[in-house]
Amino acid sequence: MVDQEKIKEAVRLLLEGIGEDPGRIGLKDTPDRVARMWQELAAGYEQTAEEPLSRVFPVEGGEMVLEKDITFYSTCEHHLMPFYGKAHVAYVPDGRVVGLSKLARTVEVFARRLQIQEKMTGQIADAMMEYLAPKGVMVVLEAEHTCMTARGIKKPGSKTVTIATRGVFAENEALQTRFFQMLGK
């Protein structure tokens, strides 16, 4: 649970620390706004992937299911700056499938936490293996990190790509190739 009062106090201290007056008209309500924002940005701590991935439907056959271009926004745990991009999630069912929106919800569970992209990619894949129990999973995240584009090295447009493969995807290069063909890459 997000502690709104601690966040408000931290924002007031931050404003003072950079030389601002937290009581001035334009900043007076900022601590409250930032606390509400963090309630939303950190909502993933109060959720698990079990809920979206537990509502399954029986299916015959075992062809790949791919949901691509799932937009996500997350926050880097190193600088508390946003990173955002697209998630591409595929799995090979083993007798059951999940509703397509549940794949996007699973991405959101992990995006709404402080984290690094590499960890998030693996968390999505591992959760799908645990709760959906498919034959295999492949997750690719492509993201722009504002800690690289707005500060530091300042290279806007650069993207970080991370990949996690589990089950048959880890064992079968042809299946991985098919995944990338379906993405149009």
N, C-alpha and C. Protein backbone atom coordinates (compact mmCIF):
# COMPACT_ATOMS: atom_id res chain seq x y z
N MET A 1 0.84 -1.19 0.00
CA MET A 1 0.00 0.00 0.00
C MET A 1 0.88 1.25 0.00
N VAL A 2 0.59 2.16 -0.88
CA VAL A 2 1.34 3.40 -0.97
C VAL A 2 0.98 4.30 0.21
N ASP A 3 1.99 4.82 0.89
CA ASP A 3 1.79 5.73 2.02
C ASP A 3 1.79 7.16 1.49
N GLN A 4 0.60 7.69 1.27
CA GLN A 4 0.43 9.02 0.68
C GLN A 4 1.12 10.11 1.50
N GLU A 5 1.04 10.04 2.82
CA GLU A 5 1.63 11.10 3.65
C GLU A 5 3.15 11.12 3.55
N LYS A 6 3.77 9.94 3.50
CA LYS A 6 5.23 9.89 3.35
C LYS A 6 5.66 10.47 2.00
N ILE A 7 4.91 10.16 0.97
CA ILE A 7 5.23 10.69 -0.36
C ILE A 7 5.09 12.20 -0.37
N LYS A 8 4.03 12.73 0.21
CA LYS A 8 3.83 14.18 0.25
C LYS A 8 5.00 14.86 0.96
N GLU A 9 5.42 14.30 2.10
CA GLU A 9 6.53 14.89 2.84
C GLU A 9 7.82 14.82 2.03
N ALA A 10 8.03 13.69 1.35
CA ALA A 10 9.23 13.54 0.52
C ALA A 10 9.25 14.57 -0.62
N VAL A 11 8.10 14.82 -1.21
CA VAL A 11 8.03 15.80 -2.30
C VAL A 11 8.30 17.20 -1.78
N ARG A 12 7.75 17.52 -0.61
CA ARG A 12 8.02 18.83 0.00
C ARG A 12 9.53 18.99 0.24
N LEU A 13 10.18 17.94 0.76
CA LEU A 13 11.62 17.99 1.00
C LEU A 13 12.40 18.10 -0.31
N LEU A 14 11.97 17.41 -1.32
CA LEU A 14 12.62 17.48 -2.63
C LEU A 14 12.53 18.90 -3.18
N LEU A 15 11.35 19.49 -3.11
CA LEU A 15 11.17 20.86 -3.60
C LEU A 15 12.09 21.83 -2.85
N GLU A 16 12.15 21.68 -1.54
CA GLU A 16 13.05 22.52 -0.76
C GLU A 16 14.51 22.25 -1.15
N GLY A 17 14.84 20.98 -1.38
CA GLY A 17 16.20 20.59 -1.71
C GLY A 17 16.70 21.18 -3.02
N ILE A 18 15.80 21.43 -3.96
CA ILE A 18 16.23 22.03 -5.23
C ILE A 18 16.09 23.55 -5.21
N GLY A 19 15.72 24.09 -4.04
CA GLY A 19 15.67 25.54 -3.89
C GLY A 19 14.31 26.15 -4.15
N GLU A 20 13.28 25.35 -4.21
CA GLU A 20 11.93 25.85 -4.44
C GLU A 20 11.21 26.10 -3.12
N ASP A 21 10.12 26.82 -3.20
CA ASP A 21 9.25 27.08 -2.06
C ASP A 21 8.01 26.21 -2.22
N PRO A 22 7.87 25.12 -1.44
CA PRO A 22 6.71 24.24 -1.59
C PRO A 22 5.38 24.94 -1.30
N GLY A 23 5.43 26.11 -0.69
CA GLY A 23 4.20 26.83 -0.37
C GLY A 23 3.76 27.79 -1.45
N ARG A 24 4.59 27.99 -2.49
CA ARG A 24 4.18 28.95 -3.53
C ARG A 24 3.00 28.39 -4.31
N ILE A 25 2.24 29.28 -4.90
CA ILE A 25 0.95 28.95 -5.51
C ILE A 25 1.03 27.80 -6.53
N GLY A 26 2.03 27.79 -7.38
CA GLY A 26 2.11 26.74 -8.39
C GLY A 26 2.54 25.38 -7.85
N LEU A 27 3.12 25.38 -6.64
CA LEU A 27 3.62 24.12 -6.06
C LEU A 27 2.83 23.65 -4.85
N LYS A 28 1.92 24.47 -4.37
CA LYS A 28 1.20 24.17 -3.14
C LYS A 28 0.53 22.79 -3.16
N ASP A 29 -0.08 22.44 -4.27
CA ASP A 29 -0.79 21.15 -4.37
C ASP A 29 0.05 20.05 -5.00
N THR A 30 1.29 20.35 -5.35
CA THR A 30 2.14 19.36 -6.01
C THR A 30 2.37 18.11 -5.17
N PRO A 31 2.67 18.21 -3.88
CA PRO A 31 2.86 16.98 -3.10
C PRO A 31 1.65 16.04 -3.16
N ASP A 32 0.46 16.60 -3.11
CA ASP A 32 -0.75 15.77 -3.19
C ASP A 32 -0.88 15.13 -4.57
N ARG A 33 -0.61 15.91 -5.62
CA ARG A 33 -0.70 15.37 -6.99
C ARG A 33 0.32 14.26 -7.21
N VAL A 34 1.53 14.47 -6.71
CA VAL A 34 2.58 13.46 -6.89
C VAL A 34 2.23 12.19 -6.10
N ALA A 35 1.68 12.33 -4.92
CA ALA A 35 1.29 11.15 -4.13
C ALA A 35 0.21 10.35 -4.86
N ARG A 36 -0.75 11.03 -5.45
CA ARG A 36 -1.81 10.33 -6.23
C ARG A 36 -1.20 9.65 -7.46
N MET A 37 -0.24 10.33 -8.09
CA MET A 37 0.42 9.75 -9.26
C MET A 37 1.14 8.45 -8.87
N TRP A 38 1.86 8.46 -7.75
CA TRP A 38 2.58 7.26 -7.34
C TRP A 38 1.65 6.14 -6.92
N GLN A 39 0.47 6.48 -6.47
CA GLN A 39 -0.54 5.44 -6.19
C GLN A 39 -0.81 4.65 -7.46
N GLU A 40 -0.92 5.35 -8.58
CA GLU A 40 -1.15 4.71 -9.87
C GLU A 40 0.10 4.01 -10.40
N LEU A 41 1.25 4.69 -10.35
CA LEU A 41 2.48 4.13 -10.91
C LEU A 41 2.96 2.90 -10.16
N ALA A 42 2.61 2.77 -8.90
CA ALA A 42 3.06 1.64 -8.08
C ALA A 42 1.95 0.63 -7.82
N ALA A 43 0.90 0.67 -8.60
CA ALA A 43 -0.24 -0.23 -8.39
C ALA A 43 0.13 -1.70 -8.57
N GLY A 44 1.19 -1.99 -9.29
CA GLY A 44 1.59 -3.38 -9.51
C GLY A 44 2.02 -4.10 -8.25
N TYR A 45 2.41 -3.38 -7.22
CA TYR A 45 2.80 -4.01 -5.96
C TYR A 45 1.60 -4.66 -5.27
N GLU A 46 0.43 -4.19 -5.58
CA GLU A 46 -0.79 -4.72 -4.95
C GLU A 46 -1.49 -5.75 -5.83
N GLN A 47 -0.85 -6.15 -6.93
CA GLN A 47 -1.45 -7.08 -7.86
C GLN A 47 -0.50 -8.24 -8.13
N THR A 48 -1.08 -9.35 -8.57
CA THR A 48 -0.27 -10.46 -9.05
C THR A 48 -0.78 -10.83 -10.44
N ALA A 49 0.04 -11.54 -11.17
CA ALA A 49 -0.37 -11.98 -12.50
C ALA A 49 -1.33 -13.16 -12.44
N GLU A 50 -1.50 -13.74 -11.27
CA GLU A 50 -2.41 -14.88 -11.15
C GLU A 50 -3.83 -14.51 -11.55
N GLU A 51 -4.29 -13.34 -11.14
CA GLU A 51 -5.68 -12.95 -11.44
C GLU A 51 -5.94 -12.88 -12.94
N PRO A 52 -5.18 -12.12 -13.70
CA PRO A 52 -5.52 -12.07 -15.13
C PRO A 52 -5.26 -13.38 -15.86
N LEU A 53 -4.31 -14.18 -15.38
CA LEU A 53 -3.96 -15.40 -16.10
C LEU A 53 -4.74 -16.64 -15.64
N SER A 54 -5.62 -16.47 -14.66
CA SER A 54 -6.34 -17.64 -14.14
C SER A 54 -7.66 -17.92 -14.87
N ARG A 55 -8.13 -16.98 -15.65
CA ARG A 55 -9.38 -17.19 -16.38
C ARG A 55 -9.04 -17.74 -17.77
N VAL A 56 -9.12 -19.04 -17.90
CA VAL A 56 -8.68 -19.72 -19.12
C VAL A 56 -9.85 -20.42 -19.81
N PHE A 57 -9.62 -20.73 -21.08
CA PHE A 57 -10.63 -21.40 -21.89
C PHE A 57 -9.98 -22.61 -22.56
N PRO A 58 -10.69 -23.72 -22.64
CA PRO A 58 -10.11 -24.89 -23.30
C PRO A 58 -9.94 -24.65 -24.80
N VAL A 59 -8.90 -25.25 -25.37
CA VAL A 59 -8.64 -25.12 -26.79
C VAL A 59 -7.96 -26.40 -27.27
N GLU A 60 -8.28 -26.77 -28.50
CA GLU A 60 -7.58 -27.88 -29.13
C GLU A 60 -6.49 -27.30 -30.01
N GLY A 61 -5.45 -28.06 -30.18
CA GLY A 61 -4.35 -27.57 -31.00
C GLY A 61 -3.36 -26.79 -30.15
N GLY A 62 -2.26 -26.47 -30.76
CA GLY A 62 -1.23 -25.80 -30.00
C GLY A 62 -0.42 -24.84 -30.83
N GLU A 63 -1.08 -24.00 -31.60
CA GLU A 63 -0.38 -23.00 -32.41
C GLU A 63 -0.08 -21.77 -31.56
N MET A 64 0.96 -21.07 -31.95
CA MET A 64 1.39 -19.88 -31.23
C MET A 64 0.30 -18.81 -31.19
N VAL A 65 0.19 -18.19 -30.04
CA VAL A 65 -0.68 -17.02 -29.84
C VAL A 65 0.24 -15.85 -29.56
N LEU A 66 0.10 -14.77 -30.31
CA LEU A 66 0.96 -13.60 -30.15
C LEU A 66 0.10 -12.36 -29.98
N GLU A 67 0.38 -11.62 -28.94
CA GLU A 67 -0.21 -10.29 -28.75
C GLU A 67 0.96 -9.33 -28.85
N LYS A 68 0.94 -8.47 -29.86
CA LYS A 68 2.09 -7.58 -30.07
C LYS A 68 1.69 -6.12 -29.87
N ASP A 69 2.72 -5.31 -29.72
CA ASP A 69 2.55 -3.86 -29.58
C ASP A 69 1.69 -3.47 -28.38
N ILE A 70 1.89 -4.13 -27.26
CA ILE A 70 1.21 -3.76 -26.01
C ILE A 70 2.00 -2.59 -25.42
N THR A 71 1.41 -1.42 -25.42
CA THR A 71 2.09 -0.24 -24.87
C THR A 71 2.18 -0.36 -23.36
N PHE A 72 3.35 -0.02 -22.81
CA PHE A 72 3.51 -0.02 -21.36
C PHE A 72 4.35 1.20 -20.95
N TYR A 73 4.16 1.57 -19.70
CA TYR A 73 4.93 2.63 -19.05
C TYR A 73 5.40 2.07 -17.72
N SER A 74 6.68 2.21 -17.44
CA SER A 74 7.21 1.75 -16.17
C SER A 74 8.18 2.80 -15.63
N THR A 75 8.76 2.52 -14.47
CA THR A 75 9.67 3.47 -13.83
C THR A 75 10.96 2.75 -13.46
N CYS A 76 12.06 3.29 -13.92
CA CYS A 76 13.39 2.73 -13.65
C CYS A 76 13.72 2.88 -12.16
N GLU A 77 14.14 1.78 -11.57
CA GLU A 77 14.45 1.82 -10.14
C GLU A 77 15.76 2.54 -9.84
N HIS A 78 16.57 2.79 -10.85
CA HIS A 78 17.86 3.45 -10.62
C HIS A 78 17.75 4.96 -10.52
N HIS A 79 16.90 5.58 -11.35
CA HIS A 79 16.78 7.03 -11.37
C HIS A 79 15.36 7.54 -11.10
N LEU A 80 14.42 6.62 -10.92
CA LEU A 80 13.00 6.97 -10.75
C LEU A 80 12.49 7.77 -11.95
N MET A 81 12.98 7.41 -13.13
CA MET A 81 12.54 8.05 -14.36
C MET A 81 11.79 7.02 -15.20
N PRO A 82 10.87 7.50 -16.03
CA PRO A 82 10.07 6.57 -16.83
C PRO A 82 10.86 5.87 -17.92
N PHE A 83 10.44 4.64 -18.21
CA PHE A 83 10.79 4.00 -19.46
C PHE A 83 9.49 3.45 -20.03
N TYR A 84 9.40 3.46 -21.34
CA TYR A 84 8.13 3.11 -21.97
C TYR A 84 8.39 2.50 -23.33
N GLY A 85 7.43 1.73 -23.78
CA GLY A 85 7.60 1.10 -25.08
C GLY A 85 6.51 0.11 -25.39
N LYS A 86 6.92 -0.95 -26.08
CA LYS A 86 5.99 -1.98 -26.54
C LYS A 86 6.44 -3.34 -26.03
N ALA A 87 5.46 -4.13 -25.62
CA ALA A 87 5.70 -5.51 -25.24
C ALA A 87 5.08 -6.41 -26.31
N HIS A 88 5.78 -7.47 -26.63
CA HIS A 88 5.29 -8.49 -27.55
C HIS A 88 5.33 -9.80 -26.78
N VAL A 89 4.17 -10.43 -26.62
CA VAL A 89 4.06 -11.61 -25.76
C VAL A 89 3.44 -12.75 -26.58
N ALA A 90 4.13 -13.89 -26.59
CA ALA A 90 3.63 -15.06 -27.31
C ALA A 90 3.69 -16.28 -26.41
N TYR A 91 2.77 -17.21 -26.66
CA TYR A 91 2.83 -18.49 -25.96
C TYR A 91 2.26 -19.57 -26.86
N VAL A 92 2.65 -20.79 -26.58
CA VAL A 92 2.10 -21.96 -27.26
C VAL A 92 1.23 -22.66 -26.24
N PRO A 93 -0.09 -22.66 -26.45
CA PRO A 93 -1.01 -23.23 -25.46
C PRO A 93 -0.81 -24.73 -25.27
N ASP A 94 -1.16 -25.19 -24.10
CA ASP A 94 -1.17 -26.61 -23.80
C ASP A 94 -2.57 -26.98 -23.31
N GLY A 95 -3.54 -26.86 -24.24
CA GLY A 95 -4.91 -27.23 -23.93
C GLY A 95 -5.79 -26.11 -23.41
N ARG A 96 -5.21 -24.94 -23.20
CA ARG A 96 -6.02 -23.81 -22.72
C ARG A 96 -5.39 -22.49 -23.12
N VAL A 97 -6.25 -21.50 -23.32
CA VAL A 97 -5.81 -20.15 -23.67
C VAL A 97 -6.43 -19.17 -22.68
N VAL A 98 -5.89 -17.98 -22.70
CA VAL A 98 -6.38 -16.90 -21.85
C VAL A 98 -6.88 -15.79 -22.76
N GLY A 99 -7.82 -14.99 -22.29
CA GLY A 99 -8.31 -13.86 -23.07
C GLY A 99 -7.17 -12.92 -23.41
N LEU A 100 -7.20 -12.37 -24.60
CA LEU A 100 -6.09 -11.53 -25.08
C LEU A 100 -5.84 -10.32 -24.18
N SER A 101 -6.89 -9.73 -23.64
CA SER A 101 -6.68 -8.57 -22.77
C SER A 101 -5.91 -8.95 -21.51
N LYS A 102 -5.95 -10.21 -21.16
CA LYS A 102 -5.26 -10.67 -19.95
C LYS A 102 -3.74 -10.64 -20.14
N LEU A 103 -3.29 -10.76 -21.38
CA LEU A 103 -1.85 -10.63 -21.63
C LEU A 103 -1.40 -9.20 -21.37
N ALA A 104 -2.20 -8.24 -21.84
CA ALA A 104 -1.88 -6.83 -21.60
C ALA A 104 -1.96 -6.52 -20.10
N ARG A 105 -2.94 -7.09 -19.41
CA ARG A 105 -3.05 -6.88 -17.96
C ARG A 105 -1.83 -7.44 -17.23
N THR A 106 -1.32 -8.56 -17.70
CA THR A 106 -0.14 -9.16 -17.09
C THR A 106 1.08 -8.24 -17.26
N VAL A 107 1.22 -7.67 -18.44
CA VAL A 107 2.30 -6.70 -18.66
C VAL A 107 2.16 -5.54 -17.68
N GLU A 108 0.94 -5.04 -17.50
CA GLU A 108 0.70 -3.91 -16.59
C GLU A 108 1.06 -4.21 -15.15
N VAL A 109 0.76 -5.44 -14.70
CA VAL A 109 1.08 -5.82 -13.31
C VAL A 109 2.56 -5.55 -13.03
N PHE A 110 3.42 -5.95 -13.96
CA PHE A 110 4.86 -5.80 -13.73
C PHE A 110 5.39 -4.43 -14.12
N ALA A 111 4.72 -3.75 -15.05
CA ALA A 111 5.16 -2.40 -15.44
C ALA A 111 4.90 -1.40 -14.32
N ARG A 112 3.90 -1.63 -13.51
CA ARG A 112 3.52 -0.69 -12.45
C ARG A 112 4.28 -0.94 -11.15
N ARG A 113 5.59 -1.09 -11.31
CA ARG A 113 6.51 -1.27 -10.18
C ARG A 113 7.82 -0.58 -10.53
N LEU A 114 8.60 -0.24 -9.53
CA LEU A 114 9.95 0.23 -9.80
C LEU A 114 10.75 -0.97 -10.25
N GLN A 115 11.46 -0.84 -11.37
CA GLN A 115 12.17 -1.98 -11.87
C GLN A 115 13.11 -1.70 -13.00
N ILE A 116 13.79 -2.73 -13.44
CA ILE A 116 14.60 -2.63 -14.64
C ILE A 116 13.92 -3.47 -15.73
N GLN A 117 14.15 -3.08 -16.95
CA GLN A 117 13.48 -3.74 -18.07
C GLN A 117 13.82 -5.22 -18.16
N GLU A 118 15.09 -5.56 -17.91
CA GLU A 118 15.51 -6.95 -17.99
C GLU A 118 14.71 -7.83 -17.02
N LYS A 119 14.51 -7.34 -15.82
CA LYS A 119 13.76 -8.09 -14.81
C LYS A 119 12.29 -8.21 -15.21
N MET A 120 11.73 -7.11 -15.69
CA MET A 120 10.32 -7.11 -16.08
C MET A 120 10.05 -8.14 -17.18
N THR A 121 10.95 -8.24 -18.15
CA THR A 121 10.78 -9.18 -19.25
C THR A 121 10.69 -10.61 -18.71
N GLY A 122 11.60 -10.95 -17.83
CA GLY A 122 11.59 -12.29 -17.23
C GLY A 122 10.39 -12.53 -16.34
N GLN A 123 9.96 -11.51 -15.59
CA GLN A 123 8.80 -11.67 -14.71
C GLN A 123 7.54 -12.01 -15.51
N ILE A 124 7.36 -11.35 -16.63
CA ILE A 124 6.18 -11.61 -17.47
C ILE A 124 6.23 -13.06 -17.97
N ALA A 125 7.38 -13.47 -18.48
CA ALA A 125 7.52 -14.84 -18.99
C ALA A 125 7.31 -15.87 -17.89
N ASP A 126 7.92 -15.65 -16.74
CA ASP A 126 7.80 -16.60 -15.63
C ASP A 126 6.37 -16.71 -15.12
N ALA A 127 5.68 -15.57 -15.03
CA ALA A 127 4.28 -15.58 -14.57
C ALA A 127 3.40 -16.35 -15.54
N MET A 128 3.63 -16.15 -16.82
CA MET A 128 2.82 -16.88 -17.81
C MET A 128 3.08 -18.39 -17.70
N MET A 129 4.33 -18.77 -17.51
CA MET A 129 4.64 -20.20 -17.36
C MET A 129 3.97 -20.76 -16.10
N GLU A 130 4.02 -20.00 -15.02
CA GLU A 130 3.47 -20.48 -13.75
C GLU A 130 1.94 -20.56 -13.76
N TYR A 131 1.27 -19.52 -14.21
CA TYR A 131 -0.19 -19.46 -14.07
C TYR A 131 -0.96 -19.96 -15.28
N LEU A 132 -0.37 -19.89 -16.45
CA LEU A 132 -1.06 -20.35 -17.66
C LEU A 132 -0.61 -21.75 -18.06
N ALA A 133 0.59 -22.13 -17.66
CA ALA A 133 1.17 -23.45 -17.93
C ALA A 133 1.14 -23.81 -19.42
N PRO A 134 1.65 -22.94 -20.29
CA PRO A 134 1.71 -23.26 -21.71
C PRO A 134 2.93 -24.14 -22.00
N LYS A 135 3.07 -24.54 -23.25
CA LYS A 135 4.25 -25.31 -23.66
C LYS A 135 5.49 -24.41 -23.71
N GLY A 136 5.27 -23.13 -23.92
CA GLY A 136 6.38 -22.18 -23.96
C GLY A 136 5.91 -20.76 -24.07
N VAL A 137 6.81 -19.83 -23.75
CA VAL A 137 6.52 -18.40 -23.75
C VAL A 137 7.72 -17.66 -24.33
N MET A 138 7.42 -16.58 -25.06
CA MET A 138 8.48 -15.67 -25.51
C MET A 138 7.97 -14.25 -25.30
N VAL A 139 8.80 -13.44 -24.67
CA VAL A 139 8.45 -12.05 -24.37
C VAL A 139 9.59 -11.17 -24.88
N VAL A 140 9.23 -10.13 -25.64
CA VAL A 140 10.19 -9.13 -26.09
C VAL A 140 9.67 -7.77 -25.67
N LEU A 141 10.52 -7.00 -25.01
CA LEU A 141 10.19 -5.62 -24.66
C LEU A 141 11.14 -4.70 -25.41
N GLU A 142 10.57 -3.66 -26.02
CA GLU A 142 11.35 -2.61 -26.67
C GLU A 142 10.97 -1.31 -25.97
N ALA A 143 11.97 -0.62 -25.39
CA ALA A 143 11.63 0.56 -24.61
C ALA A 143 12.65 1.67 -24.75
N GLU A 144 12.14 2.88 -24.60
CA GLU A 144 12.99 4.07 -24.52
C GLU A 144 13.06 4.45 -23.05
N HIS A 145 14.28 4.70 -22.58
CA HIS A 145 14.51 5.03 -21.17
C HIS A 145 14.85 6.51 -21.05
N THR A 146 14.03 7.25 -20.32
CA THR A 146 14.28 8.68 -20.21
C THR A 146 15.54 8.98 -19.40
N CYS A 147 16.04 8.01 -18.63
CA CYS A 147 17.31 8.23 -17.94
C CYS A 147 18.46 8.28 -18.94
N MET A 148 18.23 7.78 -20.17
CA MET A 148 19.24 7.88 -21.23
C MET A 148 18.92 8.99 -22.23
N THR A 149 17.65 9.33 -22.36
CA THR A 149 17.27 10.28 -23.40
C THR A 149 17.11 11.71 -22.90
N ALA A 150 16.73 11.89 -21.63
CA ALA A 150 16.48 13.24 -21.11
C ALA A 150 17.59 13.72 -20.19
N ARG A 151 18.46 12.83 -19.78
CA ARG A 151 19.58 13.19 -18.89
C ARG A 151 20.76 12.29 -19.26
N GLY A 152 21.83 12.41 -18.54
CA GLY A 152 22.98 11.55 -18.79
C GLY A 152 23.51 11.70 -20.21
N ILE A 153 23.53 10.62 -20.95
CA ILE A 153 24.11 10.61 -22.29
C ILE A 153 23.25 11.33 -23.32
N LYS A 154 21.98 11.51 -23.04
CA LYS A 154 21.04 12.27 -23.90
C LYS A 154 21.03 11.76 -25.34
N LYS A 155 20.54 10.55 -25.51
CA LYS A 155 20.43 9.93 -26.83
C LYS A 155 18.97 9.56 -27.12
N PRO A 156 18.13 10.57 -27.43
CA PRO A 156 16.72 10.30 -27.70
C PRO A 156 16.55 9.37 -28.89
N GLY A 157 15.55 8.53 -28.79
CA GLY A 157 15.25 7.60 -29.86
C GLY A 157 15.93 6.26 -29.71
N SER A 158 16.93 6.17 -28.83
CA SER A 158 17.58 4.87 -28.63
C SER A 158 16.62 3.95 -27.88
N LYS A 159 16.65 2.68 -28.25
CA LYS A 159 15.74 1.70 -27.64
C LYS A 159 16.54 0.55 -27.06
N THR A 160 16.05 0.05 -25.96
CA THR A 160 16.60 -1.15 -25.34
C THR A 160 15.65 -2.29 -25.63
N VAL A 161 16.19 -3.41 -26.08
CA VAL A 161 15.38 -4.59 -26.40
C VAL A 161 15.81 -5.73 -25.50
N THR A 162 14.85 -6.33 -24.82
CA THR A 162 15.12 -7.48 -23.96
C THR A 162 14.22 -8.64 -24.38
N ILE A 163 14.73 -9.85 -24.21
CA ILE A 163 14.03 -11.05 -24.64
C ILE A 163 14.07 -12.08 -23.52
N ALA A 164 12.95 -12.76 -23.32
CA ALA A 164 12.90 -13.91 -22.42
C ALA A 164 12.22 -15.05 -23.15
N THR A 165 12.83 -16.21 -23.14
CA THR A 165 12.24 -17.40 -23.74
C THR A 165 12.13 -18.48 -22.68
N ARG A 166 11.03 -19.20 -22.72
CA ARG A 166 10.80 -20.30 -21.78
C ARG A 166 10.20 -21.46 -22.56
N GLY A 167 10.42 -22.67 -22.07
CA GLY A 167 9.82 -23.86 -22.66
C GLY A 167 10.24 -24.06 -24.10
N VAL A 168 9.26 -24.37 -24.97
CA VAL A 168 9.57 -24.69 -26.36
C VAL A 168 10.23 -23.53 -27.10
N PHE A 169 10.00 -22.30 -26.67
CA PHE A 169 10.65 -21.17 -27.33
C PHE A 169 12.15 -21.17 -27.06
N ALA A 170 12.55 -21.60 -25.88
CA ALA A 170 13.98 -21.65 -25.55
C ALA A 170 14.68 -22.75 -26.32
N GLU A 171 13.93 -23.77 -26.68
CA GLU A 171 14.51 -24.96 -27.32
C GLU A 171 14.44 -24.94 -28.85
N ASN A 172 13.62 -24.07 -29.43
CA ASN A 172 13.29 -24.18 -30.85
C ASN A 172 13.55 -22.85 -31.56
N GLU A 173 14.67 -22.76 -32.26
CA GLU A 173 15.01 -21.52 -32.97
C GLU A 173 14.01 -21.21 -34.08
N ALA A 174 13.45 -22.24 -34.72
CA ALA A 174 12.46 -22.01 -35.79
C ALA A 174 11.22 -21.32 -35.22
N LEU A 175 10.84 -21.67 -34.00
CA LEU A 175 9.68 -21.02 -33.36
C LEU A 175 10.01 -19.56 -33.05
N GLN A 176 11.23 -19.30 -32.61
CA GLN A 176 11.65 -17.92 -32.36
C GLN A 176 11.63 -17.12 -33.67
N THR A 177 12.13 -17.72 -34.74
CA THR A 177 12.14 -17.06 -36.05
C THR A 177 10.71 -16.73 -36.48
N ARG A 178 9.81 -17.66 -36.28
CA ARG A 178 8.40 -17.43 -36.63
C ARG A 178 7.82 -16.27 -35.81
N PHE A 179 8.16 -16.22 -34.53
CA PHE A 179 7.74 -15.12 -33.66
C PHE A 179 8.15 -13.78 -34.28
N PHE A 180 9.43 -13.66 -34.66
CA PHE A 180 9.92 -12.40 -35.21
C PHE A 180 9.30 -12.11 -36.58
N GLN A 181 9.01 -13.13 -37.35
CA GLN A 181 8.32 -12.91 -38.63
C GLN A 181 6.92 -12.37 -38.39
N MET A 182 6.24 -12.90 -37.39
CA MET A 182 4.89 -12.42 -37.06
C MET A 182 4.92 -10.97 -36.57
N LEU A 183 6.03 -10.58 -35.96
CA LEU A 183 6.19 -9.19 -35.52
C LEU A 183 6.48 -8.27 -36.69
N GLY A 184 6.91 -8.85 -37.80
CA GLY A 184 7.29 -8.04 -38.94
C GLY A 184 8.69 -7.49 -38.81
N LYS A 185 9.53 -8.18 -38.08
CA LYS A 185 10.90 -7.70 -37.82
C LYS A 185 11.89 -8.54 -38.62
